[in-house]
Amino acid sequence: MSLDSVAEQLAGADPQLAQFLQAETQKQRFQGIVHSLTDQCWDICMEKPSSRLDSKTSFCITNCVDRFIDTSNFVVNRLEKTQSTFSSELDN
């Protein structure tokens, strides 16, 4: 059972607990995204481990993170636009 479903069940019984669980779920999702992003950018950018990041690797990691954020924002905006279009079509 996920924290989302538990929060939904508790929403009527204990709103504070439901809100806390929802916040914790969001933290968990964020940590998962950070972990996934770290894995992906590490695999893409790290040619060989060393004691320091060289400028090429640092630039690659920064660029990788920026592209991930850009892509995420694009997808969210596209989904919002699609949902808005779909909702307006249903209203007509």
PDB file of N, CA and C in Angstrom:
ATOM      1  N   MET A   1       0.850  -1.169   0.000  1.00  0.00           N
ATOM      2  CA  MET A   1       0.000   0.000   0.000  1.00  0.00           C
ATOM      3  C   MET A   1       0.903   1.240   0.000  1.00  0.00           C
ATOM      4  N   SER A   2       0.634   2.184  -0.902  1.00  0.00           N
ATOM      5  CA  SER A   2       1.463   3.375  -1.021  1.00  0.00           C
ATOM      6  C   SER A   2       1.033   4.437  -0.012  1.00  0.00           C
ATOM      7  N   LEU A   3       1.937   5.395   0.217  1.00  0.00           N
ATOM      8  CA  LEU A   3       1.604   6.493   1.121  1.00  0.00           C
ATOM      9  C   LEU A   3       0.453   7.325   0.578  1.00  0.00           C
ATOM     10  N   ASP A   4       0.343   7.416  -0.752  1.00  0.00           N
ATOM     11  CA  ASP A   4      -0.765   8.161  -1.360  1.00  0.00           C
ATOM     12  C   ASP A   4      -2.109   7.567  -0.963  1.00  0.00           C
ATOM     13  N   SER A   5      -2.222   6.240  -1.071  1.00  0.00           N
ATOM     14  CA  SER A   5      -3.502   5.609  -0.754  1.00  0.00           C
ATOM     15  C   SER A   5      -3.809   5.707   0.735  1.00  0.00           C
ATOM     16  N   VAL A   6      -2.787   5.620   1.577  1.00  0.00           N
ATOM     17  CA  VAL A   6      -2.993   5.782   3.017  1.00  0.00           C
ATOM     18  C   VAL A   6      -3.452   7.206   3.316  1.00  0.00           C
ATOM     19  N   ALA A   7      -2.821   8.196   2.663  1.00  0.00           N
ATOM     20  CA  ALA A   7      -3.200   9.598   2.876  1.00  0.00           C
ATOM     21  C   ALA A   7      -4.642   9.840   2.454  1.00  0.00           C
ATOM     22  N   GLU A   8      -5.050   9.230   1.348  1.00  0.00           N
ATOM     23  CA  GLU A   8      -6.430   9.386   0.886  1.00  0.00           C
ATOM     24  C   GLU A   8      -7.414   8.794   1.895  1.00  0.00           C
ATOM     25  N   GLN A   9      -7.075   7.637   2.448  1.00  0.00           N
ATOM     26  CA  GLN A   9      -7.962   6.996   3.413  1.00  0.00           C
ATOM     27  C   GLN A   9      -8.069   7.805   4.705  1.00  0.00           C
ATOM     28  N   LEU A  10      -6.972   8.483   5.075  1.00  0.00           N
ATOM     29  CA  LEU A  10      -6.955   9.235   6.325  1.00  0.00           C
ATOM     30  C   LEU A  10      -7.435  10.673   6.172  1.00  0.00           C
ATOM     31  N   ALA A  11      -7.653  11.121   4.949  1.00  0.00           N
ATOM     32  CA  ALA A  11      -8.002  12.524   4.707  1.00  0.00           C
ATOM     33  C   ALA A  11      -9.218  12.958   5.512  1.00  0.00           C
ATOM     34  N   GLY A  12     -10.226  12.121   5.578  1.00  0.00           N
ATOM     35  CA  GLY A  12     -11.420  12.475   6.337  1.00  0.00           C
ATOM     36  C   GLY A  12     -11.230  12.293   7.829  1.00  0.00           C
ATOM     37  N   ALA A  13     -10.479  11.284   8.222  1.00  0.00           N
ATOM     38  CA  ALA A  13     -10.315  10.969   9.636  1.00  0.00           C
ATOM     39  C   ALA A  13      -9.343  11.924  10.332  1.00  0.00           C
ATOM     40  N   ASP A  14      -8.214  12.196   9.722  1.00  0.00           N
ATOM     41  CA  ASP A  14      -7.195  13.044  10.346  1.00  0.00           C
ATOM     42  C   ASP A  14      -6.502  13.873   9.270  1.00  0.00           C
ATOM     43  N   PRO A  15      -7.012  15.061   9.000  1.00  0.00           N
ATOM     44  CA  PRO A  15      -6.454  15.891   7.926  1.00  0.00           C
ATOM     45  C   PRO A  15      -4.975  16.234   8.121  1.00  0.00           C
ATOM     46  N   GLN A  16      -4.546  16.439   9.369  1.00  0.00           N
ATOM     47  CA  GLN A  16      -3.138  16.766   9.616  1.00  0.00           C
ATOM     48  C   GLN A  16      -2.230  15.598   9.248  1.00  0.00           C
ATOM     49  N   LEU A  17      -2.633  14.406   9.625  1.00  0.00           N
ATOM     50  CA  LEU A  17      -1.844  13.227   9.301  1.00  0.00           C
ATOM     51  C   LEU A  17      -1.820  12.998   7.796  1.00  0.00           C
ATOM     52  N   ALA A  18      -2.952  13.196   7.147  1.00  0.00           N
ATOM     53  CA  ALA A  18      -3.019  13.038   5.697  1.00  0.00           C
ATOM     54  C   ALA A  18      -2.104  14.044   5.008  1.00  0.00           C
ATOM     55  N   GLN A  19      -2.092  15.282   5.496  1.00  0.00           N
ATOM     56  CA  GLN A  19      -1.227  16.311   4.915  1.00  0.00           C
ATOM     57  C   GLN A  19       0.244  15.955   5.133  1.00  0.00           C
ATOM     58  N   PHE A  20       0.576  15.457   6.326  1.00  0.00           N
ATOM     59  CA  PHE A  20       1.944  15.037   6.614  1.00  0.00           C
ATOM     60  C   PHE A  20       2.370  13.913   5.676  1.00  0.00           C
ATOM     61  N   LEU A  21       1.504  12.920   5.493  1.00  0.00           N
ATOM     62  CA  LEU A  21       1.829  11.802   4.608  1.00  0.00           C
ATOM     63  C   LEU A  21       1.987  12.258   3.163  1.00  0.00           C
ATOM     64  N   GLN A  22       1.175  13.206   2.759  1.00  0.00           N
ATOM     65  CA  GLN A  22       1.295  13.734   1.402  1.00  0.00           C
ATOM     66  C   GLN A  22       2.641  14.446   1.224  1.00  0.00           C
ATOM     67  N   ALA A  23       3.058  15.223   2.215  1.00  0.00           N
ATOM     68  CA  ALA A  23       4.351  15.905   2.157  1.00  0.00           C
ATOM     69  C   ALA A  23       5.490  14.892   2.116  1.00  0.00           C
ATOM     70  N   GLU A  24       5.389  13.838   2.915  1.00  0.00           N
ATOM     71  CA  GLU A  24       6.424  12.804   2.923  1.00  0.00           C
ATOM     72  C   GLU A  24       6.485  12.069   1.586  1.00  0.00           C
ATOM     73  N   THR A  25       5.332  11.849   0.979  1.00  0.00           N
ATOM     74  CA  THR A  25       5.286  11.208  -0.334  1.00  0.00           C
ATOM     75  C   THR A  25       5.986  12.073  -1.367  1.00  0.00           C
ATOM     76  N   GLN A  26       5.752  13.379  -1.308  1.00  0.00           N
ATOM     77  CA  GLN A  26       6.417  14.286  -2.238  1.00  0.00           C
ATOM     78  C   GLN A  26       7.924  14.281  -2.023  1.00  0.00           C
ATOM     79  N   LYS A  27       8.363  14.246  -0.775  1.00  0.00           N
ATOM     80  CA  LYS A  27       9.799  14.165  -0.479  1.00  0.00           C
ATOM     81  C   LYS A  27      10.387  12.879  -1.051  1.00  0.00           C
ATOM     82  N   GLN A  28       9.662  11.779  -0.879  1.00  0.00           N
ATOM     83  CA  GLN A  28      10.119  10.484  -1.377  1.00  0.00           C
ATOM     84  C   GLN A  28      10.256  10.509  -2.897  1.00  0.00           C
ATOM     85  N   ARG A  29       9.281  11.082  -3.572  1.00  0.00           N
ATOM     86  CA  ARG A  29       9.346  11.180  -5.034  1.00  0.00           C
ATOM     87  C   ARG A  29      10.529  12.038  -5.469  1.00  0.00           C
ATOM     88  N   PHE A  30      10.725  13.167  -4.783  1.00  0.00           N
ATOM     89  CA  PHE A  30      11.833  14.052  -5.120  1.00  0.00           C
ATOM     90  C   PHE A  30      13.165  13.327  -4.947  1.00  0.00           C
ATOM     91  N   GLN A  31      13.325  12.613  -3.841  1.00  0.00           N
ATOM     92  CA  GLN A  31      14.559  11.861  -3.609  1.00  0.00           C
ATOM     93  C   GLN A  31      14.773  10.804  -4.694  1.00  0.00           C
ATOM     94  N   GLY A  32      13.699  10.168  -5.129  1.00  0.00           N
ATOM     95  CA  GLY A  32      13.797   9.188  -6.209  1.00  0.00           C
ATOM     96  C   GLY A  32      14.256   9.822  -7.505  1.00  0.00           C
ATOM     97  N   ILE A  33      13.733  11.013  -7.803  1.00  0.00           N
ATOM     98  CA  ILE A  33      14.141  11.722  -9.017  1.00  0.00           C
ATOM     99  C   ILE A  33      15.610  12.114  -8.928  1.00  0.00           C
ATOM    100  N   VAL A  34      16.030  12.629  -7.777  1.00  0.00           N
ATOM    101  CA  VAL A  34      17.432  13.015  -7.595  1.00  0.00           C
ATOM    102  C   VAL A  34      18.338  11.798  -7.757  1.00  0.00           C
ATOM    103  N   HIS A  35      17.952  10.679  -7.178  1.00  0.00           N
ATOM    104  CA  HIS A  35      18.750   9.455  -7.288  1.00  0.00           C
ATOM    105  C   HIS A  35      18.852   9.002  -8.744  1.00  0.00           C
ATOM    106  N   SER A  36      17.738   9.009  -9.435  1.00  0.00           N
ATOM    107  CA  SER A  36      17.723   8.610 -10.844  1.00  0.00           C
ATOM    108  C   SER A  36      18.574   9.548 -11.687  1.00  0.00           C
ATOM    109  N   LEU A  37      18.437  10.838 -11.437  1.00  0.00           N
ATOM    110  CA  LEU A  37      19.210  11.836 -12.171  1.00  0.00           C
ATOM    111  C   LEU A  37      20.703  11.662 -11.914  1.00  0.00           C
ATOM    112  N   THR A  38      21.058  11.428 -10.663  1.00  0.00           N
ATOM    113  CA  THR A  38      22.460  11.212 -10.315  1.00  0.00           C
ATOM    114  C   THR A  38      23.014   9.996 -11.049  1.00  0.00           C
ATOM    115  N   ASP A  39      22.278   8.903 -11.053  1.00  0.00           N
ATOM    116  CA  ASP A  39      22.723   7.697 -11.757  1.00  0.00           C
ATOM    117  C   ASP A  39      22.914   7.949 -13.242  1.00  0.00           C
ATOM    118  N   GLN A  40      21.927   8.585 -13.866  1.00  0.00           N
ATOM    119  CA  GLN A  40      21.990   8.814 -15.307  1.00  0.00           C
ATOM    120  C   GLN A  40      23.143   9.738 -15.674  1.00  0.00           C
ATOM    121  N   CYS A  41      23.250  10.867 -14.991  1.00  0.00           N
ATOM    122  CA  CYS A  41      24.301  11.826 -15.329  1.00  0.00           C
ATOM    123  C   CYS A  41      25.684  11.269 -14.998  1.00  0.00           C
ATOM    124  N   TRP A  42      25.782  10.495 -13.946  1.00  0.00           N
ATOM    125  CA  TRP A  42      27.067   9.878 -13.600  1.00  0.00           C
ATOM    126  C   TRP A  42      27.499   8.924 -14.709  1.00  0.00           C
ATOM    127  N   ASP A  43      26.581   8.072 -15.137  1.00  0.00           N
ATOM    128  CA  ASP A  43      26.904   7.109 -16.191  1.00  0.00           C
ATOM    129  C   ASP A  43      27.279   7.798 -17.498  1.00  0.00           C
ATOM    130  N   ILE A  44      26.617   8.901 -17.804  1.00  0.00           N
ATOM    131  CA  ILE A  44      26.886   9.616 -19.047  1.00  0.00           C
ATOM    132  C   ILE A  44      28.212  10.369 -18.981  1.00  0.00           C
ATOM    133  N   CYS A  45      28.494  11.003 -17.857  1.00  0.00           N
ATOM    134  CA  CYS A  45      29.593  11.972 -17.783  1.00  0.00           C
ATOM    135  C   CYS A  45      30.904  11.436 -17.209  1.00  0.00           C
ATOM    136  N   MET A  46      30.855  10.440 -16.381  1.00  0.00           N
ATOM    137  CA  MET A  46      32.085   9.967 -15.728  1.00  0.00           C
ATOM    138  C   MET A  46      32.785   8.925 -16.588  1.00  0.00           C
ATOM    139  N   GLU A  47      33.909   9.314 -17.140  1.00  0.00           N
ATOM    140  CA  GLU A  47      34.685   8.372 -17.947  1.00  0.00           C
ATOM    141  C   GLU A  47      35.534   7.482 -17.056  1.00  0.00           C
ATOM    142  N   LYS A  48      36.184   8.103 -16.079  1.00  0.00           N
ATOM    143  CA  LYS A  48      36.980   7.331 -15.126  1.00  0.00           C
ATOM    144  C   LYS A  48      36.978   8.069 -13.792  1.00  0.00           C
ATOM    145  N   PRO A  49      36.757   7.354 -12.718  1.00  0.00           N
ATOM    146  CA  PRO A  49      36.735   8.006 -11.404  1.00  0.00           C
ATOM    147  C   PRO A  49      38.100   8.600 -11.058  1.00  0.00           C
ATOM    148  N   SER A  50      38.078   9.752 -10.437  1.00  0.00           N
ATOM    149  CA  SER A  50      39.310  10.376  -9.962  1.00  0.00           C
ATOM    150  C   SER A  50      38.996  11.128  -8.674  1.00  0.00           C
ATOM    151  N   SER A  51      40.018  11.698  -8.080  1.00  0.00           N
ATOM    152  CA  SER A  51      39.821  12.387  -6.803  1.00  0.00           C
ATOM    153  C   SER A  51      39.161  13.752  -6.974  1.00  0.00           C
ATOM    154  N   ARG A  52      39.185  14.290  -8.205  1.00  0.00           N
ATOM    155  CA  ARG A  52      38.581  15.598  -8.472  1.00  0.00           C
ATOM    156  C   ARG A  52      37.821  15.561  -9.784  1.00  0.00           C
ATOM    157  N   LEU A  53      36.825  16.446  -9.888  1.00  0.00           N
ATOM    158  CA  LEU A  53      36.106  16.592 -11.150  1.00  0.00           C
ATOM    159  C   LEU A  53      36.872  17.567 -12.030  1.00  0.00           C
ATOM    160  N   ASP A  54      37.154  17.149 -13.243  1.00  0.00           N
ATOM    161  CA  ASP A  54      37.766  18.101 -14.167  1.00  0.00           C
ATOM    162  C   ASP A  54      36.681  18.985 -14.765  1.00  0.00           C
ATOM    163  N   SER A  55      37.072  20.019 -15.473  1.00  0.00           N
ATOM    164  CA  SER A  55      36.094  20.987 -15.991  1.00  0.00           C
ATOM    165  C   SER A  55      35.161  20.350 -17.012  1.00  0.00           C
ATOM    166  N   LYS A  56      35.677  19.417 -17.804  1.00  0.00           N
ATOM    167  CA  LYS A  56      34.842  18.740 -18.806  1.00  0.00           C
ATOM    168  C   LYS A  56      33.730  17.940 -18.125  1.00  0.00           C
ATOM    169  N   THR A  57      34.081  17.194 -17.103  1.00  0.00           N
ATOM    170  CA  THR A  57      33.102  16.383 -16.382  1.00  0.00           C
ATOM    171  C   THR A  57      32.103  17.266 -15.645  1.00  0.00           C
ATOM    172  N   SER A  58      32.592  18.316 -15.023  1.00  0.00           N
ATOM    173  CA  SER A  58      31.712  19.244 -14.317  1.00  0.00           C
ATOM    174  C   SER A  58      30.712  19.881 -15.278  1.00  0.00           C
ATOM    175  N   PHE A  59      31.184  20.306 -16.442  1.00  0.00           N
ATOM    176  CA  PHE A  59      30.303  20.894 -17.452  1.00  0.00           C
ATOM    177  C   PHE A  59      29.279  19.867 -17.922  1.00  0.00           C
ATOM    178  N   CYS A  60      29.714  18.640 -18.137  1.00  0.00           N
ATOM    179  CA  CYS A  60      28.823  17.576 -18.597  1.00  0.00           C
ATOM    180  C   CYS A  60      27.715  17.322 -17.576  1.00  0.00           C
ATOM    181  N   ILE A  61      28.077  17.234 -16.308  1.00  0.00           N
ATOM    182  CA  ILE A  61      27.081  16.975 -15.268  1.00  0.00           C
ATOM    183  C   ILE A  61      26.096  18.140 -15.174  1.00  0.00           C
ATOM    184  N   THR A  62      26.609  19.357 -15.209  1.00  0.00           N
ATOM    185  CA  THR A  62      25.737  20.537 -15.171  1.00  0.00           C
ATOM    186  C   THR A  62      24.787  20.541 -16.355  1.00  0.00           C
ATOM    187  N   ASN A  63      25.318  20.272 -17.534  1.00  0.00           N
ATOM    188  CA  ASN A  63      24.499  20.239 -18.741  1.00  0.00           C
ATOM    189  C   ASN A  63      23.458  19.121 -18.664  1.00  0.00           C
ATOM    190  N   CYS A  64      23.853  17.972 -18.168  1.00  0.00           N
ATOM    191  CA  CYS A  64      22.944  16.831 -18.033  1.00  0.00           C
ATOM    192  C   CYS A  64      21.774  17.193 -17.116  1.00  0.00           C
ATOM    193  N   VAL A  65      22.073  17.792 -15.982  1.00  0.00           N
ATOM    194  CA  VAL A  65      21.027  18.190 -15.036  1.00  0.00           C
ATOM    195  C   VAL A  65      20.121  19.246 -15.664  1.00  0.00           C
ATOM    196  N   ASP A  66      20.725  20.230 -16.328  1.00  0.00           N
ATOM    197  CA  ASP A  66      19.926  21.278 -16.977  1.00  0.00           C
ATOM    198  C   ASP A  66      18.988  20.701 -18.026  1.00  0.00           C
ATOM    199  N   ARG A  67      19.482  19.764 -18.834  1.00  0.00           N
ATOM    200  CA  ARG A  67      18.628  19.160 -19.865  1.00  0.00           C
ATOM    201  C   ARG A  67      17.521  18.337 -19.232  1.00  0.00           C
ATOM    202  N   PHE A  68      17.822  17.659 -18.134  1.00  0.00           N
ATOM    203  CA  PHE A  68      16.800  16.889 -17.434  1.00  0.00           C
ATOM    204  C   PHE A  68      15.696  17.815 -16.932  1.00  0.00           C
ATOM    205  N   ILE A  69      16.084  18.936 -16.336  1.00  0.00           N
ATOM    206  CA  ILE A  69      15.104  19.894 -15.826  1.00  0.00           C
ATOM    207  C   ILE A  69      14.301  20.488 -16.974  1.00  0.00           C
ATOM    208  N   ASP A  70      14.986  20.865 -18.060  1.00  0.00           N
ATOM    209  CA  ASP A  70      14.284  21.411 -19.231  1.00  0.00           C
ATOM    210  C   ASP A  70      13.263  20.417 -19.774  1.00  0.00           C
ATOM    211  N   THR A  71      13.675  19.167 -19.878  1.00  0.00           N
ATOM    212  CA  THR A  71      12.785  18.131 -20.398  1.00  0.00           C
ATOM    213  C   THR A  71      11.597  17.914 -19.469  1.00  0.00           C
ATOM    214  N   SER A  72      11.859  17.879 -18.179  1.00  0.00           N
ATOM    215  CA  SER A  72      10.771  17.705 -17.211  1.00  0.00           C
ATOM    216  C   SER A  72       9.777  18.854 -17.298  1.00  0.00           C
ATOM    217  N   ASN A  73      10.281  20.078 -17.383  1.00  0.00           N
ATOM    218  CA  ASN A  73       9.398  21.244 -17.509  1.00  0.00           C
ATOM    219  C   ASN A  73       8.601  21.193 -18.802  1.00  0.00           C
ATOM    220  N   PHE A  74       9.236  20.781 -19.888  1.00  0.00           N
ATOM    221  CA  PHE A  74       8.547  20.679 -21.167  1.00  0.00           C
ATOM    222  C   PHE A  74       7.402  19.668 -21.085  1.00  0.00           C
ATOM    223  N   VAL A  75       7.684  18.513 -20.500  1.00  0.00           N
ATOM    224  CA  VAL A  75       6.668  17.465 -20.389  1.00  0.00           C
ATOM    225  C   VAL A  75       5.503  17.941 -19.520  1.00  0.00           C
ATOM    226  N   VAL A  76       5.800  18.568 -18.395  1.00  0.00           N
ATOM    227  CA  VAL A  76       4.739  19.064 -17.510  1.00  0.00           C
ATOM    228  C   VAL A  76       3.894  20.108 -18.233  1.00  0.00           C
ATOM    229  N   ASN A  77       4.546  21.049 -18.906  1.00  0.00           N
ATOM    230  CA  ASN A  77       3.802  22.084 -19.638  1.00  0.00           C
ATOM    231  C   ASN A  77       2.949  21.479 -20.740  1.00  0.00           C
ATOM    232  N   ARG A  78       3.484  20.494 -21.439  1.00  0.00           N
ATOM    233  CA  ARG A  78       2.731  19.845 -22.514  1.00  0.00           C
ATOM    234  C   ARG A  78       1.524  19.104 -21.950  1.00  0.00           C
ATOM    235  N   LEU A  79       1.716  18.410 -20.838  1.00  0.00           N
ATOM    236  CA  LEU A  79       0.598  17.700 -20.215  1.00  0.00           C
ATOM    237  C   LEU A  79      -0.477  18.671 -19.736  1.00  0.00           C
ATOM    238  N   GLU A  80      -0.060  19.792 -19.154  1.00  0.00           N
ATOM    239  CA  GLU A  80      -1.032  20.792 -18.714  1.00  0.00           C
ATOM    240  C   GLU A  80      -1.805  21.352 -19.899  1.00  0.00           C
ATOM    241  N   LYS A  81      -1.112  21.615 -20.995  1.00  0.00           N
ATOM    242  CA  LYS A  81      -1.766  22.141 -22.195  1.00  0.00           C
ATOM    243  C   LYS A  81      -2.746  21.111 -22.758  1.00  0.00           C
ATOM    244  N   THR A  82      -2.322  19.863 -22.820  1.00  0.00           N
ATOM    245  CA  THR A  82      -3.181  18.797 -23.327  1.00  0.00           C
ATOM    246  C   THR A  82      -4.409  18.634 -22.442  1.00  0.00           C
ATOM    247  N   GLN A  83      -4.200  18.666 -21.135  1.00  0.00           N
ATOM    248  CA  GLN A  83      -5.317  18.533 -20.202  1.00  0.00           C
ATOM    249  C   GLN A  83      -6.274  19.712 -20.348  1.00  0.00           C
ATOM    250  N   SER A  84      -5.731  20.901 -20.500  1.00  0.00           N
ATOM    251  CA  SER A  84      -6.564  22.091 -20.677  1.00  0.00           C
ATOM    252  C   SER A  84      -7.388  21.994 -21.958  1.00  0.00           C
ATOM    253  N   THR A  85      -6.752  21.557 -23.038  1.00  0.00           N
ATOM    254  CA  THR A  85      -7.449  21.396 -24.313  1.00  0.00           C
ATOM    255  C   THR A  85      -8.539  20.344 -24.190  1.00  0.00           C
ATOM    256  N   PHE A  86      -8.218  19.236 -23.553  1.00  0.00           N
ATOM    257  CA  PHE A  86      -9.180  18.158 -23.370  1.00  0.00           C
ATOM    258  C   PHE A  86     -10.367  18.628 -22.533  1.00  0.00           C
ATOM    259  N   SER A  87     -10.085  19.369 -21.465  1.00  0.00           N
ATOM    260  CA  SER A  87     -11.157  19.873 -20.600  1.00  0.00           C
ATOM    261  C   SER A  87     -12.066  20.837 -21.343  1.00  0.00           C
ATOM    262  N   SER A  88     -11.481  21.711 -22.159  1.00  0.00           N
ATOM    263  CA  SER A  88     -12.309  22.667 -22.903  1.00  0.00           C
ATOM    264  C   SER A  88     -13.145  21.960 -23.965  1.00  0.00           C
ATOM    265  N   GLU A  89     -12.633  20.877 -24.542  1.00  0.00           N
ATOM    266  CA  GLU A  89     -13.410  20.106 -25.515  1.00  0.00           C
ATOM    267  C   GLU A  89     -14.584  19.411 -24.840  1.00  0.00           C
ATOM    268  N   LEU A  90     -14.393  18.961 -23.617  1.00  0.00           N
ATOM    269  CA  LEU A  90     -15.479  18.312 -22.884  1.00  0.00           C
ATOM    270  C   LEU A  90     -16.564  19.313 -22.507  1.00  0.00           C
ATOM    271  N   ASP A  91     -16.159  20.543 -22.235  1.00  0.00           N
ATOM    272  CA  ASP A  91     -17.127  21.579 -21.865  1.00  0.00           C
ATOM    273  C   ASP A  91     -18.001  21.986 -23.043  1.00  0.00           C
ATOM    274  N   ASN A  92     -17.489  21.834 -24.261  1.00  0.00           N
ATOM    275  CA  ASN A  92     -18.252  22.248 -25.460  1.00  0.00           C
ATOM    276  C   ASN A  92     -19.190  21.198 -25.888  1.00  0.00           C
TER     277      ASN A  92
END
